[in-house]
Protein backbone atom coordinates (compact mmCIF):
# COMPACT_ATOMS: atom_id res chain seq x y z
CA MET A 1 182.35 -128.81 -266.43
CA ASP A 2 179.75 -131.61 -266.51
CA GLU A 3 178.37 -130.83 -263.13
CA ALA A 4 178.16 -126.97 -264.03
CA GLU A 5 176.24 -127.99 -267.15
CA ARG A 6 173.99 -130.10 -265.17
CA ASN A 7 173.32 -127.42 -262.81
CA CYS A 8 172.78 -124.94 -265.47
CA ASN A 9 170.12 -127.26 -267.10
CA ASP A 10 168.51 -127.80 -263.74
CA ALA A 11 168.20 -124.36 -263.17
CA LYS A 12 166.74 -123.79 -266.64
CA THR A 13 164.20 -126.49 -266.03
CA GLU A 14 163.24 -124.96 -262.77
CA LEU A 15 162.99 -121.70 -264.48
CA GLU A 16 160.71 -122.88 -267.05
CA GLY A 17 158.67 -124.58 -264.43
CA ALA A 18 158.24 -121.40 -262.55
CA LYS A 19 157.35 -119.37 -265.99
CA GLN A 20 154.46 -122.21 -266.45
CA ALA A 21 153.48 -121.89 -262.70
CA LEU A 22 153.20 -117.92 -263.21
CA GLU A 23 151.51 -118.17 -266.46
CA THR A 24 148.91 -120.76 -264.76
CA ALA A 25 148.59 -118.34 -261.83
CA LYS A 26 147.80 -115.42 -264.28
CA GLU A 27 145.24 -117.46 -265.97
CA ASN A 28 143.48 -118.73 -262.82
CA LYS A 29 143.72 -114.89 -261.68
CA GLU A 30 141.84 -113.81 -264.79
CA ASN A 31 139.08 -116.53 -264.48
CA ALA A 32 138.70 -115.51 -260.94
CA GLU A 33 138.08 -112.09 -261.82
CA LYS A 34 135.55 -113.12 -264.54
CA VAL A 35 133.81 -115.16 -262.22
CA ARG A 36 133.46 -112.31 -259.59
CA ASN A 37 132.56 -109.79 -262.17
CA ASP A 38 129.71 -112.25 -263.60
CA ALA A 39 128.68 -112.93 -259.80
CA PHE A 40 128.65 -108.84 -259.29
CA TRP A 41 126.38 -108.25 -262.25
CA GLU A 42 124.07 -111.20 -261.28
CA PHE A 43 123.94 -109.74 -257.57
CA LYS A 44 123.13 -106.38 -259.31
CA GLY A 45 120.45 -107.96 -261.38
CA ALA A 46 118.69 -109.74 -258.33
CA GLU A 47 119.03 -106.46 -256.42
CA THR A 48 117.27 -104.48 -259.19
CA GLU A 49 114.60 -107.33 -259.49
CA GLN A 50 114.09 -107.25 -255.56
CA LYS A 51 113.46 -103.55 -255.71
CA GLU A 52 110.86 -104.06 -258.68
CA TYR A 53 109.03 -106.80 -256.65
CA GLN A 54 109.19 -104.50 -253.74
CA GLY A 55 107.58 -101.73 -255.53
CA LYS A 56 104.73 -104.18 -256.73
CA VAL A 57 104.22 -105.50 -253.22
CA ASP A 58 103.80 -101.76 -251.92
CA GLU A 59 101.20 -101.08 -254.81
CA LEU A 60 99.31 -104.26 -253.84
CA THR A 61 99.53 -103.47 -250.10
CA GLU A 62 98.23 -99.99 -250.85
CA LYS A 63 95.29 -101.37 -253.05
CA VAL A 64 94.38 -103.71 -250.20
CA GLY A 65 94.16 -101.06 -247.70
CA GLU A 66 91.90 -99.16 -250.13
CA VAL A 67 89.67 -102.37 -250.71
CA LYS A 68 89.55 -102.68 -246.81
CA ASP A 69 88.37 -99.35 -246.38
CA GLU A 70 85.88 -99.62 -249.18
CA VAL A 71 84.64 -102.87 -247.34
CA GLU A 72 84.52 -101.06 -244.09
CA GLN A 73 82.43 -98.20 -245.75
CA ALA A 74 80.19 -100.62 -247.42
CA GLN A 75 79.55 -102.61 -243.89
CA ALA A 76 78.83 -99.27 -242.36
CA ASP A 77 76.53 -98.30 -245.09
CA LYS A 78 74.66 -101.78 -244.62
CA ASP A 79 74.60 -101.38 -240.94
CA GLU A 80 72.92 -97.72 -241.34
CA ALA A 81 70.41 -99.34 -243.91
CA ASP A 82 69.63 -102.05 -241.69
CA ALA A 83 68.87 -99.63 -238.92
CA ALA A 84 66.71 -97.34 -240.99
CA ALA A 85 64.78 -100.52 -242.27
CA GLY A 86 64.14 -101.50 -238.71
CA ASP A 87 63.07 -97.89 -237.74
CA ALA A 88 60.70 -98.15 -240.78
CA ALA A 89 59.35 -101.52 -239.85
CA LYS A 90 58.69 -100.20 -236.20
CA ALA A 91 57.10 -97.07 -237.85
CA ALA A 92 54.85 -99.19 -239.91
CA GLU A 93 53.91 -101.68 -237.19
CA THR A 94 52.96 -98.39 -235.06
CA ALA A 95 51.25 -97.05 -237.60
CA GLU A 96 49.10 -100.44 -238.46
CA LYS A 97 48.23 -100.51 -234.53
CA GLU A 98 47.00 -96.96 -234.55
CA ALA A 99 44.79 -97.63 -237.81
CA ALA A 100 43.53 -100.49 -235.93
CA GLU A 101 42.79 -98.78 -233.02
CA LYS A 102 41.01 -95.98 -234.82
CA LYS A 103 38.85 -98.66 -236.65
CA ALA A 104 37.87 -100.32 -233.34
């Protein structure tokens, strides 16, 4: 009977250890789920932030294109004005020569 009681006590001790191990495993699982959830929402937040930044980048890229177009147009206008000024200078020079020739 002594041996039977010892075996019974050993079995109870093992059962108690198994119960504690199961409880620890459940707690670990819950903690892991919380960490996974937190990571998921962090990822979602980062994803949303990334989309917002991409939208801003797209807007700025569009504005840069518009400014580039304006600069190109301004350069074309300047080139045209320079050409017109050159033509006017030549015309003035020619007129001065003609006037000088008429006086002579």
